[in-house]
Amino acid sequence: MEILIIGGALFGAVLGRFFKVLVLIPAGALAIAVLLVKREVAGHTWLDFFLGIGLLIASLVLGYVAGLISTHISTAAQGIRGFLARSRRRASSRTSPTR
């Protein structure tokens, strides 16, 4: 189960970087199908099945959000660097009073 959750988060991060949010619907359906097949093979209870669905979809969504944020990190860092460079130029262009 832990491998499925980690895999769901990584898969969600990839989806977040390259696709829009509606791709989570078929990805969630795929996750449910994987858990349904796993349940039939291993013979878990229905409570385990629904808990697994909730955890897998939550990890998929959190991975999606992390992937979505990671696409904008470089843009934000460049904006911060530009702001700091402008503020340094303004501070160095001011002349200090001489005695």
N, C-alpha and C. Protein backbone atom coordinates (compact mmCIF):
# COMPACT_ATOMS: atom_id res chain seq x y z
N MET A 1 0.81 -1.19 0.00
CA MET A 1 0.00 0.00 0.00
C MET A 1 0.86 1.26 0.00
N GLU A 2 1.98 1.21 0.73
CA GLU A 2 2.84 2.38 0.81
C GLU A 2 3.44 2.71 -0.55
N ILE A 3 3.77 1.67 -1.30
CA ILE A 3 4.34 1.89 -2.63
C ILE A 3 3.31 2.53 -3.55
N LEU A 4 2.05 2.12 -3.43
CA LEU A 4 1.01 2.72 -4.25
C LEU A 4 0.81 4.19 -3.91
N ILE A 5 0.89 4.54 -2.64
CA ILE A 5 0.71 5.93 -2.23
C ILE A 5 1.86 6.79 -2.73
N ILE A 6 3.08 6.31 -2.58
CA ILE A 6 4.25 7.06 -3.06
C ILE A 6 4.21 7.17 -4.58
N GLY A 7 3.86 6.07 -5.24
CA GLY A 7 3.73 6.10 -6.69
C GLY A 7 2.64 7.04 -7.15
N GLY A 8 1.54 7.10 -6.40
CA GLY A 8 0.47 8.04 -6.73
C GLY A 8 0.92 9.48 -6.61
N ALA A 9 1.70 9.77 -5.58
CA ALA A 9 2.20 11.14 -5.42
C ALA A 9 3.16 11.51 -6.54
N LEU A 10 4.03 10.60 -6.92
CA LEU A 10 4.96 10.88 -8.01
C LEU A 10 4.22 11.01 -9.34
N PHE A 11 3.25 10.14 -9.56
CA PHE A 11 2.45 10.22 -10.77
C PHE A 11 1.66 11.53 -10.80
N GLY A 12 1.14 11.96 -9.67
CA GLY A 12 0.44 13.24 -9.58
C GLY A 12 1.35 14.41 -9.85
N ALA A 13 2.62 14.33 -9.41
CA ALA A 13 3.56 15.41 -9.68
C ALA A 13 3.84 15.53 -11.17
N VAL A 14 3.97 14.41 -11.84
CA VAL A 14 4.18 14.44 -13.29
C VAL A 14 2.95 15.02 -13.99
N LEU A 15 1.78 14.61 -13.56
CA LEU A 15 0.55 15.15 -14.14
C LEU A 15 0.42 16.65 -13.89
N GLY A 16 0.84 17.10 -12.71
CA GLY A 16 0.76 18.52 -12.38
C GLY A 16 1.67 19.38 -13.22
N ARG A 17 2.79 18.82 -13.63
CA ARG A 17 3.73 19.59 -14.45
C ARG A 17 3.28 19.73 -15.89
N PHE A 18 2.54 18.76 -16.41
CA PHE A 18 2.27 18.75 -17.84
C PHE A 18 0.79 18.81 -18.24
N PHE A 19 -0.14 18.61 -17.31
CA PHE A 19 -1.55 18.54 -17.68
C PHE A 19 -2.39 19.45 -16.80
N LYS A 20 -3.62 19.68 -17.25
CA LYS A 20 -4.58 20.45 -16.47
C LYS A 20 -5.25 19.56 -15.44
N VAL A 21 -6.05 20.16 -14.56
CA VAL A 21 -6.60 19.47 -13.40
C VAL A 21 -7.59 18.36 -13.78
N LEU A 22 -8.22 18.46 -14.92
CA LEU A 22 -9.21 17.45 -15.30
C LEU A 22 -8.59 16.09 -15.56
N VAL A 23 -7.29 16.01 -15.71
CA VAL A 23 -6.63 14.72 -15.90
C VAL A 23 -6.68 13.88 -14.63
N LEU A 24 -7.00 14.50 -13.50
CA LEU A 24 -7.09 13.75 -12.25
C LEU A 24 -8.30 12.81 -12.23
N ILE A 25 -9.31 13.09 -13.03
CA ILE A 25 -10.49 12.22 -13.06
C ILE A 25 -10.14 10.84 -13.62
N PRO A 26 -9.54 10.75 -14.82
CA PRO A 26 -9.17 9.40 -15.29
C PRO A 26 -8.04 8.79 -14.47
N ALA A 27 -7.16 9.61 -13.91
CA ALA A 27 -6.09 9.07 -13.07
C ALA A 27 -6.67 8.48 -11.79
N GLY A 28 -7.67 9.12 -11.22
CA GLY A 28 -8.34 8.57 -10.04
C GLY A 28 -9.10 7.29 -10.36
N ALA A 29 -9.72 7.25 -11.54
CA ALA A 29 -10.41 6.03 -11.95
C ALA A 29 -9.42 4.88 -12.14
N LEU A 30 -8.26 5.21 -12.69
CA LEU A 30 -7.22 4.20 -12.85
C LEU A 30 -6.73 3.70 -11.49
N ALA A 31 -6.59 4.61 -10.53
CA ALA A 31 -6.17 4.23 -9.19
C ALA A 31 -7.19 3.32 -8.53
N ILE A 32 -8.47 3.63 -8.71
CA ILE A 32 -9.52 2.78 -8.14
C ILE A 32 -9.49 1.40 -8.78
N ALA A 33 -9.26 1.35 -10.10
CA ALA A 33 -9.19 0.05 -10.79
C ALA A 33 -8.02 -0.77 -10.29
N VAL A 34 -6.88 -0.12 -10.05
CA VAL A 34 -5.70 -0.84 -9.53
C VAL A 34 -6.01 -1.40 -8.15
N LEU A 35 -6.63 -0.59 -7.31
CA LEU A 35 -6.97 -1.08 -5.97
C LEU A 35 -8.02 -2.18 -6.00
N LEU A 36 -8.95 -2.09 -6.94
CA LEU A 36 -9.98 -3.14 -7.05
C LEU A 36 -9.34 -4.47 -7.46
N VAL A 37 -8.40 -4.41 -8.40
CA VAL A 37 -7.71 -5.64 -8.81
C VAL A 37 -6.88 -6.18 -7.65
N LYS A 38 -6.21 -5.27 -6.93
CA LYS A 38 -5.40 -5.70 -5.78
C LYS A 38 -6.28 -6.33 -4.71
N ARG A 39 -7.47 -5.77 -4.51
CA ARG A 39 -8.38 -6.31 -3.50
C ARG A 39 -8.84 -7.71 -3.87
N GLU A 40 -9.12 -7.93 -5.14
CA GLU A 40 -9.56 -9.25 -5.59
C GLU A 40 -8.46 -10.29 -5.42
N VAL A 41 -7.22 -9.89 -5.64
CA VAL A 41 -6.11 -10.83 -5.52
C VAL A 41 -5.78 -11.10 -4.06
N ALA A 42 -5.71 -10.04 -3.24
CA ALA A 42 -5.27 -10.20 -1.86
C ALA A 42 -6.41 -10.51 -0.90
N GLY A 43 -7.64 -10.15 -1.25
CA GLY A 43 -8.77 -10.47 -0.39
C GLY A 43 -8.89 -9.58 0.83
N HIS A 44 -8.67 -8.27 0.68
CA HIS A 44 -8.82 -7.34 1.80
C HIS A 44 -10.30 -7.03 2.04
N THR A 45 -10.58 -6.40 3.17
CA THR A 45 -11.95 -6.01 3.50
C THR A 45 -12.33 -4.75 2.74
N TRP A 46 -13.64 -4.46 2.76
CA TRP A 46 -14.12 -3.26 2.09
C TRP A 46 -13.61 -1.99 2.77
N LEU A 47 -13.44 -2.03 4.08
CA LEU A 47 -12.92 -0.87 4.79
C LEU A 47 -11.50 -0.55 4.32
N ASP A 48 -10.68 -1.58 4.18
CA ASP A 48 -9.33 -1.37 3.66
C ASP A 48 -9.37 -0.81 2.24
N PHE A 49 -10.32 -1.29 1.46
CA PHE A 49 -10.45 -0.84 0.08
C PHE A 49 -10.78 0.65 0.02
N PHE A 50 -11.78 1.09 0.79
CA PHE A 50 -12.17 2.50 0.77
C PHE A 50 -11.11 3.40 1.39
N LEU A 51 -10.45 2.92 2.42
CA LEU A 51 -9.35 3.69 3.00
C LEU A 51 -8.22 3.83 1.99
N GLY A 52 -7.93 2.77 1.26
CA GLY A 52 -6.91 2.82 0.23
C GLY A 52 -7.25 3.78 -0.88
N ILE A 53 -8.53 3.81 -1.28
CA ILE A 53 -8.96 4.75 -2.31
C ILE A 53 -8.75 6.19 -1.83
N GLY A 54 -9.17 6.46 -0.62
CA GLY A 54 -9.00 7.81 -0.08
C GLY A 54 -7.55 8.23 0.00
N LEU A 55 -6.72 7.35 0.49
CA LEU A 55 -5.29 7.69 0.61
C LEU A 55 -4.62 7.84 -0.75
N LEU A 56 -4.96 6.98 -1.68
CA LEU A 56 -4.35 7.05 -3.00
C LEU A 56 -4.78 8.30 -3.76
N ILE A 57 -6.05 8.65 -3.69
CA ILE A 57 -6.52 9.86 -4.36
C ILE A 57 -5.95 11.10 -3.69
N ALA A 58 -5.83 11.09 -2.36
CA ALA A 58 -5.23 12.23 -1.66
C ALA A 58 -3.76 12.38 -2.05
N SER A 59 -3.03 11.28 -2.15
CA SER A 59 -1.63 11.39 -2.55
C SER A 59 -1.51 11.84 -4.00
N LEU A 60 -2.43 11.42 -4.85
CA LEU A 60 -2.44 11.85 -6.25
C LEU A 60 -2.67 13.35 -6.35
N VAL A 61 -3.61 13.86 -5.57
CA VAL A 61 -3.91 15.29 -5.59
C VAL A 61 -2.75 16.10 -4.99
N LEU A 62 -2.19 15.64 -3.88
CA LEU A 62 -1.06 16.36 -3.29
C LEU A 62 0.15 16.36 -4.23
N GLY A 63 0.38 15.25 -4.90
CA GLY A 63 1.44 15.21 -5.90
C GLY A 63 1.16 16.16 -7.04
N TYR A 64 -0.09 16.25 -7.47
CA TYR A 64 -0.48 17.17 -8.54
C TYR A 64 -0.19 18.62 -8.13
N VAL A 65 -0.55 18.97 -6.91
CA VAL A 65 -0.31 20.33 -6.42
C VAL A 65 1.19 20.62 -6.35
N ALA A 66 1.97 19.65 -5.88
CA ALA A 66 3.42 19.83 -5.82
C ALA A 66 4.00 20.00 -7.22
N GLY A 67 3.53 19.23 -8.18
CA GLY A 67 4.00 19.39 -9.56
C GLY A 67 3.58 20.72 -10.15
N LEU A 68 2.40 21.17 -9.81
CA LEU A 68 1.91 22.45 -10.30
C LEU A 68 2.75 23.60 -9.73
N ILE A 69 3.07 23.52 -8.45
CA ILE A 69 3.89 24.55 -7.82
C ILE A 69 5.30 24.53 -8.38
N SER A 70 5.83 23.35 -8.67
CA SER A 70 7.21 23.25 -9.15
C SER A 70 7.39 23.89 -10.52
N THR A 71 6.32 24.04 -11.30
CA THR A 71 6.46 24.70 -12.60
C THR A 71 6.66 26.20 -12.45
N HIS A 72 6.26 26.76 -11.33
CA HIS A 72 6.35 28.21 -11.15
C HIS A 72 7.47 28.64 -10.22
N ILE A 73 8.23 27.71 -9.70
CA ILE A 73 9.29 28.07 -8.76
C ILE A 73 10.39 28.87 -9.46
N SER A 74 10.80 28.46 -10.65
CA SER A 74 11.88 29.16 -11.34
C SER A 74 11.46 30.58 -11.73
N THR A 75 10.20 30.77 -12.13
CA THR A 75 9.71 32.10 -12.47
C THR A 75 9.71 33.00 -11.24
N ALA A 76 9.28 32.47 -10.11
CA ALA A 76 9.26 33.26 -8.88
C ALA A 76 10.68 33.60 -8.43
N ALA A 77 11.60 32.66 -8.57
CA ALA A 77 12.98 32.92 -8.17
C ALA A 77 13.61 34.00 -9.05
N GLN A 78 13.32 34.00 -10.34
CA GLN A 78 13.85 35.03 -11.22
C GLN A 78 13.27 36.39 -10.86
N GLY A 79 12.00 36.43 -10.51
CA GLY A 79 11.39 37.70 -10.10
C GLY A 79 12.02 38.24 -8.82
N ILE A 80 12.29 37.36 -7.87
CA ILE A 80 12.93 37.79 -6.62
C ILE A 80 14.34 38.28 -6.89
N ARG A 81 15.10 37.54 -7.74
CA ARG A 81 16.46 37.98 -8.08
C ARG A 81 16.46 39.33 -8.76
N GLY A 82 15.51 39.56 -9.67
CA GLY A 82 15.41 40.85 -10.34
C GLY A 82 15.09 41.97 -9.37
N PHE A 83 14.19 41.71 -8.44
CA PHE A 83 13.84 42.72 -7.44
C PHE A 83 15.04 43.07 -6.58
N LEU A 84 15.79 42.06 -6.14
CA LEU A 84 16.96 42.31 -5.31
C LEU A 84 18.04 43.06 -6.08
N ALA A 85 18.21 42.74 -7.35
CA ALA A 85 19.21 43.44 -8.17
C ALA A 85 18.82 44.90 -8.35
N ARG A 86 17.55 45.19 -8.58
CA ARG A 86 17.10 46.59 -8.72
C ARG A 86 17.28 47.35 -7.42
N SER A 87 16.99 46.72 -6.30
CA SER A 87 17.12 47.43 -5.03
C SER A 87 18.59 47.68 -4.70
N ARG A 88 19.49 46.80 -5.10
CA ARG A 88 20.92 47.04 -4.88
C ARG A 88 21.42 48.17 -5.75
N ARG A 89 20.96 48.23 -7.00
CA ARG A 89 21.40 49.32 -7.88
C ARG A 89 20.93 50.66 -7.36
N ARG A 90 19.72 50.72 -6.84
CA ARG A 90 19.21 51.97 -6.29
C ARG A 90 20.01 52.39 -5.06
N ALA A 91 20.35 51.44 -4.22
CA ALA A 91 21.11 51.77 -3.01
C ALA A 91 22.52 52.21 -3.35
N SER A 92 23.15 51.62 -4.36
CA SER A 92 24.52 51.99 -4.71
C SER A 92 24.55 53.27 -5.51
N SER A 93 23.45 53.67 -6.18
CA SER A 93 23.45 54.89 -6.97
C SER A 93 23.28 56.13 -6.09
N ARG A 94 22.81 55.95 -4.90
CA ARG A 94 22.68 57.09 -3.97
C ARG A 94 24.06 57.47 -3.47
N THR A 95 24.31 58.75 -3.46
CA THR A 95 25.61 59.21 -2.97
C THR A 95 25.52 59.46 -1.48
N SER A 96 26.55 59.08 -0.79
CA SER A 96 26.58 59.32 0.64
C SER A 96 27.22 60.68 0.90
N PRO A 97 26.74 61.40 1.88
CA PRO A 97 27.28 62.74 2.16
C PRO A 97 28.74 62.63 2.60
N THR A 98 29.53 63.51 2.08
CA THR A 98 30.95 63.56 2.46
C THR A 98 31.16 64.69 3.43
N ARG A 99 32.17 64.55 4.23
CA ARG A 99 32.44 65.59 5.22
C ARG A 99 33.46 66.55 4.74
